[in-house]
Amino acid sequence: MAKNFGKSKIAVLAIGLVCALAFLLNHLATGANTSDLGNENNLSTSKQVKEIEGYKNWAKVNSVPQLMPERVAAACYMWMSPKGVIVDGESNPHRDKYFTVYVNVIGRKAMLTRKHPIFPVDSVIVKEKLTAKDSQTPELLTVMIKQKKGFNPASGDWEYMVVDGTGTKLEGRGNLQNCHACHIANQKTDYIFRTYLPDAVASKLK
């Protein structure tokens, strides 16, 4: 099972992860892409966003940063823009990017032990987008926060959030459509892409 799980994990993960990351580019270009962004007074610009405070001390799901394949990374960006992107060129916004995933203590059991997880309310997942495998400071953070039932039924009541690499500037949050469009396909795993799980962990899911 672990072997089969591993074969598809890179391609499937990248589609979901990149859709979340692609929101930032679209937001900068169009001004907004969310149903719940709010106004500028709601954006944090100094202290670390409270929902992800101390995330570096949470469970690190993939201990080694994983490279995001260019051709899969481009797929979501092409969905955003009718003109698409040159897959192997400089216009690919995710070219040669790496990522590392963290989960808080509330969501740890569902993430690391359940084949068909149901994440508890207040579970938080943080994905760091890195410019290099040995980067110490992420370029961008994409976050998923499990809210109470009814918050966002079409996407498992997850709230999506995009934060700058320092974790202090909130770029957008709510029902971000780019994120929602990719994650909605994963109902059996509570709308979470877990293809980044190490084989040793994936093989023991129950």
C-alpha atoms as a PDB file:
ATOM      1  CA  MET A   1       0.000   0.000   0.000  1.00  0.00           C
ATOM      2  CA  ALA A   2       2.810   2.393   0.889  1.00  0.00           C
ATOM      3  CA  LYS A   3       4.427   1.861  -2.500  1.00  0.00           C
ATOM      4  CA  ASN A   4       1.240   2.682  -4.408  1.00  0.00           C
ATOM      5  CA  PHE A   5       0.558   5.630  -2.139  1.00  0.00           C
ATOM      6  CA  GLY A   6       3.981   7.048  -2.891  1.00  0.00           C
ATOM      7  CA  LYS A   7       3.646   6.853  -6.690  1.00  0.00           C
ATOM      8  CA  SER A   8       0.866   9.416  -6.871  1.00  0.00           C
ATOM      9  CA  LYS A   9       1.698  11.629  -3.951  1.00  0.00           C
ATOM     10  CA  ILE A  10       3.873  14.264  -5.669  1.00  0.00           C
ATOM     11  CA  ALA A  11       1.473  15.043  -8.523  1.00  0.00           C
ATOM     12  CA  VAL A  12      -1.677  15.094  -6.423  1.00  0.00           C
ATOM     13  CA  LEU A  13      -0.168  17.197  -3.644  1.00  0.00           C
ATOM     14  CA  ALA A  14       1.222  19.827  -5.945  1.00  0.00           C
ATOM     15  CA  ILE A  15      -2.145  20.529  -7.557  1.00  0.00           C
ATOM     16  CA  GLY A  16      -3.764  21.282  -4.211  1.00  0.00           C
ATOM     17  CA  LEU A  17      -0.810  23.089  -2.675  1.00  0.00           C
ATOM     18  CA  VAL A  18      -0.192  25.272  -5.691  1.00  0.00           C
ATOM     19  CA  CYS A  19      -3.818  26.334  -5.941  1.00  0.00           C
ATOM     20  CA  ALA A  20      -3.499  27.642  -2.408  1.00  0.00           C
ATOM     21  CA  LEU A  21      -0.214  29.405  -3.125  1.00  0.00           C
ATOM     22  CA  ALA A  22      -1.456  30.798  -6.430  1.00  0.00           C
ATOM     23  CA  PHE A  23      -4.034  32.896  -4.599  1.00  0.00           C
ATOM     24  CA  LEU A  24      -1.413  35.456  -3.617  1.00  0.00           C
ATOM     25  CA  LEU A  25      -0.499  36.265  -7.205  1.00  0.00           C
ATOM     26  CA  ASN A  26      -4.120  36.539  -8.198  1.00  0.00           C
ATOM     27  CA  HIS A  27      -4.883  38.728  -5.176  1.00  0.00           C
ATOM     28  CA  LEU A  28      -2.089  41.140  -6.016  1.00  0.00           C
ATOM     29  CA  ALA A  29      -3.265  41.370  -9.607  1.00  0.00           C
ATOM     30  CA  THR A  30      -7.004  41.755  -9.031  1.00  0.00           C
ATOM     31  CA  GLY A  31      -7.244  43.211  -5.534  1.00  0.00           C
ATOM     32  CA  ALA A  32      -9.175  40.319  -3.945  1.00  0.00           C
ATOM     33  CA  ASN A  33     -10.199  36.713  -4.429  1.00  0.00           C
ATOM     34  CA  THR A  34     -12.097  35.876  -1.296  1.00  0.00           C
ATOM     35  CA  SER A  35     -15.580  36.094   0.125  1.00  0.00           C
ATOM     36  CA  ASP A  36     -14.288  37.028   3.578  1.00  0.00           C
ATOM     37  CA  LEU A  37     -11.177  39.159   3.239  1.00  0.00           C
ATOM     38  CA  GLY A  38     -12.482  42.233   5.043  1.00  0.00           C
ATOM     39  CA  ASN A  39     -10.805  45.630   4.922  1.00  0.00           C
ATOM     40  CA  GLU A  40      -7.248  46.764   5.443  1.00  0.00           C
ATOM     41  CA  ASN A  41      -7.862  47.289   9.166  1.00  0.00           C
ATOM     42  CA  ASN A  42      -8.227  43.532   9.556  1.00  0.00           C
ATOM     43  CA  LEU A  43      -4.793  42.758   8.129  1.00  0.00           C
ATOM     44  CA  SER A  44      -1.981  42.072  10.565  1.00  0.00           C
ATOM     45  CA  THR A  45       1.260  43.902   9.822  1.00  0.00           C
ATOM     46  CA  SER A  46       3.279  43.624  13.027  1.00  0.00           C
ATOM     47  CA  LYS A  47       2.716  40.665  15.362  1.00  0.00           C
ATOM     48  CA  GLN A  48       2.629  37.089  14.146  1.00  0.00           C
ATOM     49  CA  VAL A  49      -0.863  36.034  13.072  1.00  0.00           C
ATOM     50  CA  LYS A  50      -2.265  34.429  16.217  1.00  0.00           C
ATOM     51  CA  GLU A  51      -3.605  31.247  14.591  1.00  0.00           C
ATOM     52  CA  ILE A  52      -0.105  30.218  13.499  1.00  0.00           C
ATOM     53  CA  GLU A  53       1.912  31.621  16.380  1.00  0.00           C
ATOM     54  CA  GLY A  54       4.714  29.200  17.269  1.00  0.00           C
ATOM     55  CA  TYR A  55       3.949  26.849  14.375  1.00  0.00           C
ATOM     56  CA  LYS A  56       7.618  25.942  14.069  1.00  0.00           C
ATOM     57  CA  ASN A  57       7.188  23.998  17.311  1.00  0.00           C
ATOM     58  CA  TRP A  58       4.287  21.948  15.931  1.00  0.00           C
ATOM     59  CA  ALA A  59       4.597  18.489  14.391  1.00  0.00           C
ATOM     60  CA  LYS A  60       6.574  18.713  11.162  1.00  0.00           C
ATOM     61  CA  VAL A  61       4.775  16.382   8.745  1.00  0.00           C
ATOM     62  CA  ASN A  62       7.538  16.064   6.147  1.00  0.00           C
ATOM     63  CA  SER A  63      10.921  16.406   7.790  1.00  0.00           C
ATOM     64  CA  VAL A  64      12.684  17.037   4.477  1.00  0.00           C
ATOM     65  CA  PRO A  65      11.374  19.863   2.249  1.00  0.00           C
ATOM     66  CA  GLN A  66       9.844  18.522  -0.953  1.00  0.00           C
ATOM     67  CA  LEU A  67      10.360  19.993  -4.396  1.00  0.00           C
ATOM     68  CA  MET A  68       7.274  21.139  -6.239  1.00  0.00           C
ATOM     69  CA  PRO A  69       7.289  19.745  -9.817  1.00  0.00           C
ATOM     70  CA  GLU A  70       7.080  22.562 -12.381  1.00  0.00           C
ATOM     71  CA  ARG A  71       4.572  20.993 -14.724  1.00  0.00           C
ATOM     72  CA  VAL A  72       2.064  20.235 -11.982  1.00  0.00           C
ATOM     73  CA  ALA A  73       2.696  23.591 -10.321  1.00  0.00           C
ATOM     74  CA  ALA A  74       1.754  25.351 -13.536  1.00  0.00           C
ATOM     75  CA  ALA A  75      -1.616  23.596 -13.811  1.00  0.00           C
ATOM     76  CA  CYS A  76      -3.376  25.689 -11.180  1.00  0.00           C
ATOM     77  CA  TYR A  77      -1.860  28.934 -12.398  1.00  0.00           C
ATOM     78  CA  MET A  78      -3.175  28.157 -15.869  1.00  0.00           C
ATOM     79  CA  TRP A  79      -6.625  27.672 -14.329  1.00  0.00           C
ATOM     80  CA  MET A  80      -6.356  31.178 -12.854  1.00  0.00           C
ATOM     81  CA  SER A  81      -5.210  32.882 -16.030  1.00  0.00           C
ATOM     82  CA  PRO A  82      -6.730  32.288 -19.502  1.00  0.00           C
ATOM     83  CA  LYS A  83      -3.331  33.075 -20.980  1.00  0.00           C
ATOM     84  CA  GLY A  84      -1.696  30.375 -18.909  1.00  0.00           C
ATOM     85  CA  VAL A  85       2.008  30.304 -18.216  1.00  0.00           C
ATOM     86  CA  ILE A  86       5.150  29.071 -19.939  1.00  0.00           C
ATOM     87  CA  VAL A  87       5.641  25.885 -17.954  1.00  0.00           C
ATOM     88  CA  ASP A  88       9.414  25.733 -18.151  1.00  0.00           C
ATOM     89  CA  GLY A  89      10.034  29.461 -18.321  1.00  0.00           C
ATOM     90  CA  GLU A  90      10.566  32.316 -15.908  1.00  0.00           C
ATOM     91  CA  SER A  91       6.842  33.121 -15.817  1.00  0.00           C
ATOM     92  CA  ASN A  92       6.169  29.969 -13.786  1.00  0.00           C
ATOM     93  CA  PRO A  93       5.549  31.444 -10.291  1.00  0.00           C
ATOM     94  CA  HIS A  94       6.390  28.165  -8.544  1.00  0.00           C
ATOM     95  CA  ARG A  95       9.490  27.177 -10.454  1.00  0.00           C
ATOM     96  CA  ASP A  96      12.029  25.405  -8.235  1.00  0.00           C
ATOM     97  CA  LYS A  97      10.025  25.886  -5.024  1.00  0.00           C
ATOM     98  CA  TYR A  98      10.058  23.590  -1.985  1.00  0.00           C
ATOM     99  CA  PHE A  99       7.539  23.141   0.804  1.00  0.00           C
ATOM    100  CA  THR A 100       7.310  21.901   4.395  1.00  0.00           C
ATOM    101  CA  VAL A 101       4.066  21.147   6.252  1.00  0.00           C
ATOM    102  CA  TYR A 102       3.293  21.594   9.968  1.00  0.00           C
ATOM    103  CA  VAL A 103       0.174  20.612  11.943  1.00  0.00           C
ATOM    104  CA  ASN A 104      -0.853  21.749  15.426  1.00  0.00           C
ATOM    105  CA  VAL A 105      -1.482  19.373  18.329  1.00  0.00           C
ATOM    106  CA  ILE A 106      -5.258  19.401  17.763  1.00  0.00           C
ATOM    107  CA  GLY A 107      -4.942  18.125  14.206  1.00  0.00           C
ATOM    108  CA  ARG A 108      -1.886  15.907  14.692  1.00  0.00           C
ATOM    109  CA  LYS A 109      -3.719  12.605  15.286  1.00  0.00           C
ATOM    110  CA  ALA A 110      -5.989  13.024  12.256  1.00  0.00           C
ATOM    111  CA  MET A 111      -3.094  14.022  10.026  1.00  0.00           C
ATOM    112  CA  LEU A 112      -0.651  11.304  11.036  1.00  0.00           C
ATOM    113  CA  THR A 113      -2.754   8.268  12.017  1.00  0.00           C
ATOM    114  CA  ARG A 114      -6.098   8.244  10.175  1.00  0.00           C
ATOM    115  CA  LYS A 115      -6.650   6.893   6.668  1.00  0.00           C
ATOM    116  CA  HIS A 116      -9.951   8.801   6.416  1.00  0.00           C
ATOM    117  CA  PRO A 117      -9.380  11.659   8.863  1.00  0.00           C
ATOM    118  CA  ILE A 118     -11.945  13.996  10.349  1.00  0.00           C
ATOM    119  CA  PHE A 119     -10.020  16.965  11.673  1.00  0.00           C
ATOM    120  CA  PRO A 120     -11.316  18.488  14.930  1.00  0.00           C
ATOM    121  CA  VAL A 121     -12.360  22.125  15.110  1.00  0.00           C
ATOM    122  CA  ASP A 122      -9.311  24.387  15.595  1.00  0.00           C
ATOM    123  CA  SER A 123      -6.958  22.060  13.720  1.00  0.00           C
ATOM    124  CA  VAL A 124      -4.418  24.207  11.878  1.00  0.00           C
ATOM    125  CA  ILE A 125      -2.145  23.195   9.009  1.00  0.00           C
ATOM    126  CA  VAL A 126       0.685  25.454   7.818  1.00  0.00           C
ATOM    127  CA  LYS A 127       2.543  24.969   4.541  1.00  0.00           C
ATOM    128  CA  GLU A 128       5.810  26.830   4.068  1.00  0.00           C
ATOM    129  CA  LYS A 129       6.790  27.773   0.536  1.00  0.00           C
ATOM    130  CA  LEU A 130      10.592  27.810   0.308  1.00  0.00           C
ATOM    131  CA  THR A 131      12.866  29.190  -2.389  1.00  0.00           C
ATOM    132  CA  ALA A 132      15.474  26.480  -1.748  1.00  0.00           C
ATOM    133  CA  LYS A 133      15.685  23.168   0.075  1.00  0.00           C
ATOM    134  CA  ASP A 134      17.907  24.649   2.783  1.00  0.00           C
ATOM    135  CA  SER A 135      15.990  27.928   3.170  1.00  0.00           C
ATOM    136  CA  GLN A 136      15.578  28.985   6.780  1.00  0.00           C
ATOM    137  CA  THR A 137      12.930  31.629   6.064  1.00  0.00           C
ATOM    138  CA  PRO A 138       9.845  30.768   3.990  1.00  0.00           C
ATOM    139  CA  GLU A 139       8.777  32.933   1.094  1.00  0.00           C
ATOM    140  CA  LEU A 140       5.090  32.432   1.844  1.00  0.00           C
ATOM    141  CA  LEU A 141       2.770  30.554   4.222  1.00  0.00           C
ATOM    142  CA  THR A 142      -0.543  28.996   3.247  1.00  0.00           C
ATOM    143  CA  VAL A 143      -2.788  27.959   6.115  1.00  0.00           C
ATOM    144  CA  MET A 144      -5.924  25.884   6.672  1.00  0.00           C
ATOM    145  CA  ILE A 145      -7.976  26.339   9.862  1.00  0.00           C
ATOM    146  CA  LYS A 146     -10.819  23.985  10.750  1.00  0.00           C
ATOM    147  CA  GLN A 147     -13.789  26.094  11.808  1.00  0.00           C
ATOM    148  CA  LYS A 148     -17.138  25.175  13.384  1.00  0.00           C
ATOM    149  CA  LYS A 149     -19.758  23.319  11.371  1.00  0.00           C
ATOM    150  CA  GLY A 150     -21.495  25.599   8.906  1.00  0.00           C
ATOM    151  CA  PHE A 151     -18.559  27.961   8.327  1.00  0.00           C
ATOM    152  CA  ASN A 152     -17.829  26.660   4.824  1.00  0.00           C
ATOM    153  CA  PRO A 153     -19.788  23.422   4.181  1.00  0.00           C
ATOM    154  CA  ALA A 154     -18.700  23.110   0.552  1.00  0.00           C
ATOM    155  CA  SER A 155     -15.085  22.776   1.647  1.00  0.00           C
ATOM    156  CA  GLY A 156     -15.398  20.876   4.913  1.00  0.00           C
ATOM    157  CA  ASP A 157     -15.643  24.039   7.050  1.00  0.00           C
ATOM    158  CA  TRP A 158     -12.010  24.889   6.412  1.00  0.00           C
ATOM    159  CA  GLU A 159     -10.885  28.502   6.392  1.00  0.00           C
ATOM    160  CA  TYR A 160      -7.991  29.294   4.079  1.00  0.00           C
ATOM    161  CA  MET A 161      -5.349  31.889   4.837  1.00  0.00           C
ATOM    162  CA  VAL A 162      -2.319  33.319   3.041  1.00  0.00           C
ATOM    163  CA  VAL A 163       0.422  34.948   5.121  1.00  0.00           C
ATOM    164  CA  ASP A 164       3.809  36.370   4.215  1.00  0.00           C
ATOM    165  CA  GLY A 165       6.928  34.379   5.048  1.00  0.00           C
ATOM    166  CA  THR A 166       7.490  36.106   8.377  1.00  0.00           C
ATOM    167  CA  GLY A 167       4.031  35.097   9.561  1.00  0.00           C
ATOM    168  CA  THR A 168       3.173  38.735  10.394  1.00  0.00           C
ATOM    169  CA  LYS A 169       1.364  40.080   7.325  1.00  0.00           C
ATOM    170  CA  LEU A 170      -2.009  38.581   6.472  1.00  0.00           C
ATOM    171  CA  GLU A 171      -2.546  38.723   2.713  1.00  0.00           C
ATOM    172  CA  GLY A 172      -5.998  37.143   2.665  1.00  0.00           C
ATOM    173  CA  ARG A 173      -8.283  34.712   4.449  1.00  0.00           C
ATOM    174  CA  GLY A 174     -11.724  33.158   4.283  1.00  0.00           C
ATOM    175  CA  ASN A 175     -13.234  31.018   1.539  1.00  0.00           C
ATOM    176  CA  LEU A 176     -10.403  31.675  -0.901  1.00  0.00           C
ATOM    177  CA  GLN A 177     -11.662  30.373  -4.216  1.00  0.00           C
ATOM    178  CA  ASN A 178      -8.337  29.184  -5.631  1.00  0.00           C
ATOM    179  CA  CYS A 179      -7.777  27.043  -2.548  1.00  0.00           C
ATOM    180  CA  HIS A 180     -11.353  25.805  -2.442  1.00  0.00           C
ATOM    181  CA  ALA A 181     -11.336  24.774  -6.107  1.00  0.00           C
ATOM    182  CA  CYS A 182      -8.462  22.349  -5.558  1.00  0.00           C
ATOM    183  CA  HIS A 183      -9.259  20.966  -2.129  1.00  0.00           C
ATOM    184  CA  ILE A 184     -12.899  20.184  -2.866  1.00  0.00           C
ATOM    185  CA  ALA A 185     -11.871  16.976  -4.632  1.00  0.00           C
ATOM    186  CA  ASN A 186     -10.572  15.466  -1.379  1.00  0.00           C
ATOM    187  CA  GLN A 187     -13.743  14.811   0.575  1.00  0.00           C
ATOM    188  CA  LYS A 188     -12.599  11.346   1.694  1.00  0.00           C
ATOM    189  CA  THR A 189      -9.638  12.867   3.542  1.00  0.00           C
ATOM    190  CA  ASP A 190     -11.516  15.856   4.945  1.00  0.00           C
ATOM    191  CA  TYR A 191     -10.418  18.022   2.008  1.00  0.00           C
ATOM    192  CA  ILE A 192      -6.734  17.647   2.877  1.00  0.00           C
ATOM    193  CA  PHE A 193      -3.932  16.656   0.488  1.00  0.00           C
ATOM    194  CA  ARG A 194      -1.645  14.375   2.503  1.00  0.00           C
ATOM    195  CA  THR A 195       0.484  13.036  -0.298  1.00  0.00           C
ATOM    196  CA  TYR A 196       3.482  14.642   1.419  1.00  0.00           C
ATOM    197  CA  LEU A 197       3.264  12.070   4.225  1.00  0.00           C
ATOM    198  CA  PRO A 198       6.444   9.974   4.500  1.00  0.00           C
ATOM    199  CA  ASP A 199       5.919   6.395   3.324  1.00  0.00           C
ATOM    200  CA  ALA A 200       6.621   5.110   6.842  1.00  0.00           C
ATOM    201  CA  VAL A 201       3.686   7.142   8.152  1.00  0.00           C
ATOM    202  CA  ALA A 202       1.340   6.542   5.216  1.00  0.00           C
ATOM    203  CA  SER A 203       1.740   2.767   5.499  1.00  0.00           C
ATOM    204  CA  LYS A 204       0.454   2.792   9.083  1.00  0.00           C
ATOM    205  CA  LEU A 205      -2.676   4.873   8.584  1.00  0.00           C
ATOM    206  CA  LYS A 206      -5.798   3.166  10.003  1.00  0.00           C
END
